[in-house]
Amino acid sequence: MRLLVVHAHPVPESFNAALCRAAVEAARQQGHDVRLIDLHADGFDPVMTAEERRGYTEDVPIPPDLRPHVEALQWAEGLILVYPTWWYSQPAILKGWIDRVWRPGITFTLRTQTEPLRGALHNVRLIGVITTFGSPWWFWTFLIGAPGRKIILRGLRYCTHPRTRTFWLGLHDMDARTDTTRARFLGKVRARIARIPL
């Protein structure tokens, strides 16, 4: 499978970066064709300018800095997002990547008077998330309503193939975790990636 891994953590020695490395290594060991986009390392600009917004729904050329990202998204059969959950959702750089790259005509068609909004990214048949949380599972799920999960597994999934499969791996209570529990989660990530069919 052609897998696009998108990583969004600013600190290269972070546990989140270790999760990304584990996912990429496990996928390549299984024989998948993997592309990695490291948003911070690549210097991705998440800010949509006024000019870009004005042309967002028009048939205008894609901004040059977005072309490699759009091409990678259209190449992929599977998408794996690796990021920390901050304030209950995606970090700003990843949210900006979604805002700027998941564009009309690329990932969806706009609603009209006679046609509903439709997904257009039918090459993607797998979406996976690997994330960490400072909050406990019950707090994020029941009190907050899991907004970050809904954005990806409902919102983005709608833009992909109707039969897109999903997985979600989250490690909660990061501040209370030990080396042992972190190592166990790394093993869980490797095992889940190993089950992705070729």
Foldseek 3Di string as FASTA:
>chain_A
DEEEEEEEDQDCPDLLVVLSVLLVVLLVVLPYRYDYHYCNVVVPDLDQDPVNVVCQQPPDDQPPVQVVVLVSLLPGQEYEYGAEQDPLAGPSSVVSNCVRNCGDVRFWPPDDPPRHIAADSASHQEYEYEYEELADPCCSCPVVPNVHCCCVVPVSVRNYHPNRDYYYHYHYNVVPDDPVVSVVSSVVSSVVSSPDDD
